[in-house]
C-alpha cells in the first residue's frame, strides 16, 4: 500500500505533460525562426511536429471560414427569398386585380351589347350586392331602388337575355326573383313557329341538368326543333315581349297528346351574376284589356239588331269570349 502511494505521488499529471510538450514545441518553433535553421536535427524535428500542427490549425481555420461563408450565404439567400416572395405576392395581387378588372369589363361589354340588342327599352345598369346562401342566383338583391326609378314588376336582364323580375323595391335596393326560382313561371314563345307555352322555374333541375322545364306547347304541325330560340311571349302580362330566354333542349308529347312538354337551356349564367340591366318600363297590359273590352262592346251592339242577327251575334259572342278565355288561361294567367 505504501509503495503504490509513492508511485502515485511521483507520477506527473497528464495535463502537465501536455503543457510541457506544447511549451517545448513553441520553444523549438521560435528557435527555428530566430536562428533561421534550415537543416539539421532541429529542422527535421520541427517538420515532424510543427507542420502537422499548422495543417491542423489551417484546416480548423478553413472550416470556420467555410461555415462563416455558408452562414453569410444562407442569410443572403433568405433575405433574397423574402424579397422574391414579396415580388411574387405583389405580382399575384396585380394578376388578381387584372382578372377582376377583366371580368368587370366583360360584364360591362355584355351589358352594352344587351343594351344595343334591345334599343326599344329604357334600361338601367345595376350591381348584384347580395344573394341567397345557395350557389344559384334564384333570388338576389341589386343596388338600385326607387330613388333610381326602379319599381316592382320591372324586368331584369343580363348576359344575353332574361334574368327575372323585380319583386320588391326599396329606396336604394331592389330584390329580384329569377326565372329559375321554383315560384317563377314565364309565358314564352318559340321564335321559329310563334307557338306559346309556359316555362316553370325549377332550381333542382337547373342544378342537376342546367335546364328548365316547359309545358303546354301546342305544336300541331311538329315544326318545333331542338335548338330553336325561345323568347318572352307577347301575351305575357309581366315580361316585355321578345326578350331571349334560351333554346329548346328537349321535348316530347304530353300524356294527353294535345301539347308538348320539354326543357330549355337558359342563355343566362345563373351561377355567376355580377351586373344586370333593369328595364325601367313596366309591361303595359291596358291595350290587351281595352282590346278585349272593345270586342265585347261590338258583340253587344251587334246583338241589338234583328232576332236572327241577334242569335248569330250571340253565337259569335260566345265564341269570342271562349277564345279570349283560352288565350288568357294558356298565357298571361299562367305566369307567376
Protein backbone atom coordinates (compact mmCIF):
# COMPACT_ATOMS: atom_id res chain seq x y z
CA UNK A 1 0.00 0.00 0.00
CA UNK A 2 2.82 2.39 0.80
CA UNK A 3 4.60 1.50 -2.44
CA UNK A 4 1.52 2.35 -4.53
CA UNK A 5 1.09 5.66 -2.81
CA UNK A 6 4.69 6.51 -3.57
CA UNK A 7 4.20 5.78 -7.22
CA UNK A 8 1.13 7.93 -7.34
CA UNK A 9 2.98 10.83 -5.84
CA UNK A 10 5.91 10.56 -8.31
CA UNK A 11 3.67 10.33 -11.44
CA UNK A 12 3.10 13.56 -13.40
CA UNK A 13 -0.45 14.52 -14.28
CA UNK A 14 -1.32 14.28 -17.96
CA UNK A 15 -2.27 17.94 -18.31
CA UNK A 16 1.22 18.98 -17.17
CA UNK A 17 2.78 16.62 -19.69
CA UNK A 18 0.80 18.22 -22.47
CA UNK A 19 1.79 21.66 -21.31
CA UNK A 20 5.46 20.70 -21.32
CA UNK A 21 5.23 19.21 -24.80
CA UNK A 22 3.41 22.29 -26.08
CA UNK A 23 5.95 24.59 -24.47
CA UNK A 24 8.76 22.56 -25.99
CA UNK A 25 7.19 22.80 -29.44
CA UNK A 26 6.83 26.54 -29.08
CA UNK A 27 10.48 26.88 -27.99
CA UNK A 28 11.62 24.79 -30.95
CA UNK A 29 9.44 26.81 -33.32
CA UNK A 30 10.71 30.15 -32.02
CA UNK A 31 14.32 28.95 -32.01
CA UNK A 32 13.95 27.77 -35.60
CA UNK A 33 12.58 31.10 -36.69
CA UNK A 34 15.12 33.12 -34.70
CA UNK A 35 18.23 31.21 -35.72
CA UNK A 36 16.94 30.58 -39.24
CA UNK A 37 17.82 26.94 -39.03
CA UNK A 38 17.33 25.35 -42.42
CA UNK A 39 18.79 21.98 -41.73
CA UNK A 40 19.91 19.63 -39.09
CA UNK A 41 18.05 17.62 -36.49
CA UNK A 42 16.18 20.61 -35.15
CA UNK A 43 14.70 21.45 -38.54
CA UNK A 44 13.71 17.86 -39.03
CA UNK A 45 12.12 17.74 -35.61
CA UNK A 46 10.20 20.92 -36.41
CA UNK A 47 9.00 19.33 -39.62
CA UNK A 48 7.57 16.40 -37.73
CA UNK A 49 5.93 18.46 -35.01
CA UNK A 50 5.14 21.96 -36.30
CA UNK A 51 3.91 21.13 -39.81
CA UNK A 52 1.11 18.80 -38.66
CA UNK A 53 0.09 21.38 -36.08
CA UNK A 54 -0.01 24.09 -38.74
CA UNK A 55 -2.01 21.83 -41.03
CA UNK A 56 -4.50 21.15 -38.27
CA UNK A 57 -4.76 24.83 -37.40
CA UNK A 58 -5.17 25.73 -41.09
CA UNK A 59 -7.83 23.06 -41.51
CA UNK A 60 -9.72 24.29 -38.45
CA UNK A 61 -9.45 27.87 -39.64
CA UNK A 62 -10.63 26.96 -43.13
CA UNK A 63 -13.58 25.04 -41.67
CA UNK A 64 -14.55 28.04 -39.57
CA UNK A 65 -14.19 30.31 -42.61
CA UNK A 66 -16.31 27.98 -44.77
CA UNK A 67 -19.03 27.81 -42.14
CA UNK A 68 -18.97 31.59 -41.80
CA UNK A 69 -19.31 31.96 -45.56
CA UNK A 70 -22.09 29.40 -45.64
CA UNK A 71 -23.94 31.21 -42.88
CA UNK A 72 -23.50 34.50 -44.70
CA UNK A 73 -24.66 32.91 -47.95
CA UNK A 74 -27.68 31.34 -46.24
CA UNK A 75 -28.60 34.68 -44.69
CA UNK A 76 -28.29 36.37 -48.07
CA UNK A 77 -30.41 33.65 -49.67
CA UNK A 78 -33.09 34.05 -47.00
CA UNK A 79 -33.14 37.81 -47.50
CA UNK A 80 -33.30 37.37 -51.25
CA UNK A 81 -36.07 34.80 -50.85
CA UNK A 82 -38.10 37.27 -48.78
CA UNK A 83 -37.65 39.91 -51.46
CA UNK A 84 -38.65 37.47 -54.19
CA UNK A 85 -41.69 36.34 -52.16
CA UNK A 86 -42.73 39.96 -51.74
CA UNK A 87 -42.43 40.44 -55.51
CA UNK A 88 -44.45 37.27 -56.11
CA UNK A 89 -47.18 38.46 -53.74
CA UNK A 90 -47.27 41.84 -55.46
CA UNK A 91 -47.47 40.26 -58.91
CA UNK A 92 -50.19 37.89 -57.68
CA UNK A 93 -52.23 40.83 -56.41
CA UNK A 94 -51.75 42.58 -59.72
CA UNK A 95 -52.89 39.49 -61.63
CA UNK A 96 -55.94 39.14 -59.38
CA UNK A 97 -56.80 42.79 -59.91
CA UNK A 98 -56.34 42.42 -63.64
CA UNK A 99 -58.55 39.32 -63.66
CA UNK A 100 -61.21 41.16 -61.66
CA UNK A 101 -61.00 44.18 -63.96
CA UNK A 102 -61.19 41.87 -66.97
CA UNK A 103 -64.30 40.21 -65.54
CA UNK A 104 -65.89 43.58 -64.86
CA UNK A 105 -65.02 44.79 -68.35
CA UNK A 106 -66.52 41.63 -69.80
CA UNK A 107 -69.70 42.18 -67.78
CA UNK A 108 -69.90 45.78 -68.95
CA UNK A 109 -69.33 44.69 -72.53
CA UNK A 110 -72.18 42.18 -72.25
CA UNK A 111 -74.45 44.86 -70.80
CA UNK A 112 -73.55 47.20 -73.64
CA UNK A 113 -74.32 44.52 -76.21
CA UNK A 114 -77.56 43.77 -74.39
CA UNK A 115 -78.48 47.44 -74.42
CA UNK A 116 -77.83 47.62 -78.15
CA UNK A 117 -79.80 44.41 -78.70
CA UNK A 118 -82.98 45.87 -77.17
CA UNK A 119 -82.91 49.58 -78.09
CA UNK A 120 -86.69 49.88 -77.72
CA UNK A 121 -86.48 49.64 -73.93
CA UNK A 122 -85.12 52.16 -71.44
CA UNK A 123 -82.59 50.42 -69.20
CA UNK A 124 -80.55 50.99 -66.06
CA UNK A 125 -77.37 49.13 -65.08
CA UNK A 126 -77.13 47.69 -61.56
CA UNK A 127 -74.74 45.59 -59.49
CA UNK A 128 -75.63 42.49 -57.51
CA UNK A 129 -74.91 43.10 -53.82
CA UNK A 130 -76.44 40.06 -52.09
CA UNK A 131 -77.82 36.61 -52.80
CA UNK A 132 -79.23 33.56 -51.04
CA UNK A 133 -76.94 31.05 -49.36
CA UNK A 134 -77.01 28.58 -52.26
CA UNK A 135 -74.78 28.79 -55.32
CA UNK A 136 -77.54 29.89 -57.68
CA UNK A 137 -78.91 33.38 -58.21
CA UNK A 138 -82.56 32.38 -57.89
CA UNK A 139 -83.29 35.41 -55.70
CA UNK A 140 -80.84 38.25 -55.12
CA UNK A 141 -80.52 41.95 -54.32
CA UNK A 142 -79.26 44.79 -56.52
CA UNK A 143 -78.02 48.28 -55.61
CA UNK A 144 -80.79 50.20 -57.38
CA UNK A 145 -84.13 51.23 -55.89
CA UNK A 146 -86.99 53.67 -56.04
CA UNK A 147 -84.59 56.62 -55.81
CA UNK A 148 -83.24 55.46 -59.18
CA UNK A 149 -86.70 54.98 -60.67
CA UNK A 150 -86.84 51.21 -60.11
CA UNK A 151 -90.26 49.79 -59.20
CA UNK A 152 -91.80 46.39 -58.64
CA UNK A 153 -92.59 44.49 -61.83
CA UNK A 154 -89.64 45.73 -63.89
CA UNK A 155 -87.80 43.09 -65.92
CA UNK A 156 -84.14 42.27 -65.31
CA UNK A 157 -81.64 41.09 -67.93
CA UNK A 158 -78.01 40.03 -68.01
CA UNK A 159 -75.59 38.26 -70.31
CA UNK A 160 -77.67 37.51 -73.40
CA UNK A 161 -81.22 37.57 -72.11
CA UNK A 162 -83.83 37.42 -69.38
CA UNK A 163 -82.90 37.05 -65.71
CA UNK A 164 -86.16 37.69 -63.88
CA UNK A 165 -88.36 40.39 -62.39
CA UNK A 166 -88.24 42.95 -59.57
CA UNK A 167 -90.39 41.70 -56.68
CA UNK A 168 -89.56 44.39 -54.11
CA UNK A 169 -88.12 47.88 -54.40
CA UNK A 170 -86.66 49.93 -51.56
CA UNK A 171 -85.15 53.37 -51.63
CA UNK A 172 -81.67 52.17 -52.61
CA UNK A 173 -82.10 48.47 -53.25
CA UNK A 174 -84.35 46.02 -55.08
CA UNK A 175 -84.94 42.29 -54.83
CA UNK A 176 -85.03 40.15 -57.94
CA UNK A 177 -86.68 36.78 -58.48
CA UNK A 178 -85.05 34.97 -61.37
CA UNK A 179 -86.77 32.60 -63.79
CA UNK A 180 -85.03 29.59 -62.22
CA UNK A 181 -86.76 30.14 -58.86
CA UNK A 182 -89.31 27.46 -58.02
CA UNK A 183 -92.12 30.01 -57.75
CA UNK A 184 -91.43 31.52 -61.17
CA UNK A 185 -93.25 30.91 -64.44
CA UNK A 186 -92.92 32.77 -67.73
CA UNK A 187 -95.11 32.93 -70.83
CA UNK A 188 -92.70 32.11 -73.67
CA UNK A 189 -92.80 31.74 -77.43
CA UNK A 190 -90.82 29.69 -79.94
CA UNK A 191 -89.32 32.18 -82.39
CA UNK A 192 -89.48 29.89 -85.43
CA UNK A 193 -93.15 28.91 -85.07
CA UNK A 194 -94.76 31.54 -82.83
CA UNK A 195 -96.19 28.84 -80.54
CA UNK A 196 -96.72 29.89 -76.93
CA UNK A 197 -96.02 27.82 -73.82
CA UNK A 198 -95.12 28.15 -70.12
CA UNK A 199 -91.60 27.89 -68.67
CA UNK A 200 -91.50 26.94 -64.98
CA UNK A 201 -88.73 27.62 -62.50
CA UNK A 202 -87.08 24.51 -61.09
CA UNK A 203 -83.91 25.08 -59.08
CA UNK A 204 -83.28 21.37 -58.55
CA UNK A 205 -83.46 20.53 -62.24
CA UNK A 206 -81.36 23.58 -63.05
CA UNK A 207 -78.73 22.42 -60.59
CA UNK A 208 -78.68 18.86 -61.89
CA UNK A 209 -79.02 19.37 -65.65
CA UNK A 210 -78.75 23.08 -66.37
CA UNK A 211 -82.23 23.21 -67.93
CA UNK A 212 -85.73 24.45 -67.06
CA UNK A 213 -88.97 22.55 -67.76
CA UNK A 214 -91.73 23.86 -70.00
CA UNK A 215 -95.30 22.71 -70.70
CA UNK A 216 -98.43 23.47 -72.75
CA UNK A 217 -96.58 23.82 -76.07
CA UNK A 218 -99.11 23.36 -78.86
CA UNK A 219 -97.14 22.28 -81.91
CA UNK A 220 -99.78 20.75 -84.21
CA UNK A 221 -97.53 20.78 -87.27
CA UNK A 222 -94.50 19.34 -85.47
CA UNK A 223 -92.32 22.25 -86.54
CA UNK A 224 -90.50 22.86 -83.26
CA UNK A 225 -86.92 21.62 -83.24
CA UNK A 226 -84.20 21.24 -80.64
CA UNK A 227 -82.11 24.40 -80.67
CA UNK A 228 -84.97 26.76 -81.55
CA UNK A 229 -84.72 30.12 -79.80
CA UNK A 230 -87.25 30.94 -77.08
CA UNK A 231 -88.28 34.50 -76.15
CA UNK A 232 -90.82 36.12 -73.85
CA UNK A 233 -94.30 36.00 -75.37
CA UNK A 234 -96.40 38.97 -76.45
CA UNK A 235 -99.28 37.60 -74.33
CA UNK A 236 -97.26 37.85 -71.12
CA UNK A 237 -98.64 40.37 -68.64
CA UNK A 238 -95.36 40.64 -66.69
CA UNK A 239 -92.49 40.36 -69.14
CA UNK A 240 -91.67 42.60 -72.07
CA UNK A 241 -92.04 40.98 -75.47
CA UNK A 242 -89.16 39.41 -77.36
CA UNK A 243 -86.51 39.03 -74.65
CA UNK A 244 -84.37 35.96 -75.27
CA UNK A 245 -84.80 33.28 -72.61
CA UNK A 246 -82.93 30.29 -74.02
CA UNK A 247 -83.09 27.44 -76.52
CA UNK A 248 -85.16 24.26 -76.80
CA UNK A 249 -83.14 21.41 -75.26
CA UNK A 250 -85.68 18.56 -75.48
CA UNK A 251 -89.40 17.93 -75.91
CA UNK A 252 -91.97 15.14 -76.06
CA UNK A 253 -95.71 14.69 -76.37
CA UNK A 254 -97.75 15.25 -73.23
CA UNK A 255 -99.89 12.47 -71.79
CA UNK A 256 -102.96 13.99 -73.45
CA UNK A 257 -101.21 14.05 -76.87
CA UNK A 258 -102.53 17.58 -77.38
CA UNK A 259 -99.49 19.56 -76.25
CA UNK A 260 -95.81 19.02 -75.66
CA UNK A 261 -93.54 19.27 -72.67
CA UNK A 262 -89.79 19.55 -72.53
CA UNK A 263 -86.86 21.60 -71.35
CA UNK A 264 -84.95 24.72 -72.39
CA UNK A 265 -81.37 25.79 -71.77
CA UNK A 266 -81.28 29.36 -70.41
CA UNK A 267 -78.84 31.79 -72.01
CA UNK A 268 -78.02 33.48 -68.70
CA UNK A 269 -75.33 32.07 -66.41
CA UNK A 270 -77.27 31.94 -63.14
CA UNK A 271 -74.20 30.86 -61.18
CA UNK A 272 -72.19 33.98 -61.98
CA UNK A 273 -74.16 37.22 -61.90
CA UNK A 274 -72.34 40.41 -61.05
CA UNK A 275 -74.03 43.12 -63.08
CA UNK A 276 -77.53 43.26 -64.54
CA UNK A 277 -79.69 45.56 -66.63
CA UNK A 278 -83.09 46.71 -65.38
CA UNK A 279 -85.73 47.60 -67.98
CA UNK A 280 -87.30 50.71 -66.48
CA UNK A 281 -90.55 50.16 -68.39
CA UNK A 282 -93.25 48.01 -66.79
CA UNK A 283 -95.28 45.79 -69.12
CA UNK A 284 -98.42 47.72 -70.15
CA UNK A 285 -101.42 45.37 -70.28
CA UNK A 286 -104.02 48.10 -70.74
CA UNK A 287 -104.04 47.60 -74.52
CA UNK A 288 -104.85 43.91 -74.07
CA UNK A 289 -107.74 44.79 -71.72
CA UNK A 290 -109.01 47.60 -73.96
CA UNK A 291 -108.96 45.31 -76.99
CA UNK A 292 -110.95 42.65 -75.12
CA UNK A 293 -113.49 45.21 -73.88
CA UNK A 294 -113.89 46.61 -77.40
CA UNK A 295 -114.62 43.17 -78.80
CA UNK A 296 -117.29 42.64 -76.10
CA UNK A 297 -118.91 46.00 -76.82
CA UNK A 298 -119.02 45.24 -80.55
CA UNK A 299 -120.69 41.94 -79.83
CA UNK A 300 -123.32 43.58 -77.63
CA UNK A 301 -124.06 46.27 -80.23
CA UNK A 302 -124.49 43.65 -82.91
CA UNK A 303 -126.99 41.93 -80.62
CA UNK A 304 -129.38 44.91 -80.83
CA UNK A 305 -130.28 44.07 -84.44
CA UNK A 306 -132.92 41.64 -85.73
CA UNK A 307 -133.76 38.45 -83.97
CA UNK A 308 -131.83 36.37 -86.47
CA UNK A 309 -128.91 38.69 -86.28
CA UNK A 310 -129.13 38.61 -82.51
CA UNK A 311 -128.82 34.83 -82.49
CA UNK A 312 -125.88 34.94 -84.83
CA UNK A 313 -124.25 37.65 -82.76
CA UNK A 314 -124.91 35.72 -79.61
CA UNK A 315 -123.22 32.72 -81.12
CA UNK A 316 -120.31 34.84 -82.28
CA UNK A 317 -120.06 36.48 -78.88
CA UNK A 318 -119.79 33.14 -77.13
CA UNK A 319 -117.04 32.07 -79.47
CA UNK A 320 -115.16 35.29 -78.93
CA UNK A 321 -115.38 35.06 -75.16
CA UNK A 322 -114.28 31.45 -75.21
CA UNK A 323 -111.30 32.26 -77.40
CA UNK A 324 -110.21 35.11 -75.15
CA UNK A 325 -110.62 32.94 -72.08
CA UNK A 326 -108.46 30.18 -73.55
CA UNK A 327 -105.84 32.66 -74.63
CA UNK A 328 -105.64 34.10 -71.15
CA UNK A 329 -105.60 30.70 -69.47
CA UNK A 330 -102.78 29.48 -71.66
CA UNK A 331 -100.78 32.68 -71.48
CA UNK A 332 -100.71 35.53 -69.04
CA UNK A 333 -102.67 33.82 -66.29
CA UNK A 334 -100.12 31.02 -66.19
CA UNK A 335 -97.38 33.36 -65.03
CA UNK A 336 -96.15 33.87 -61.52
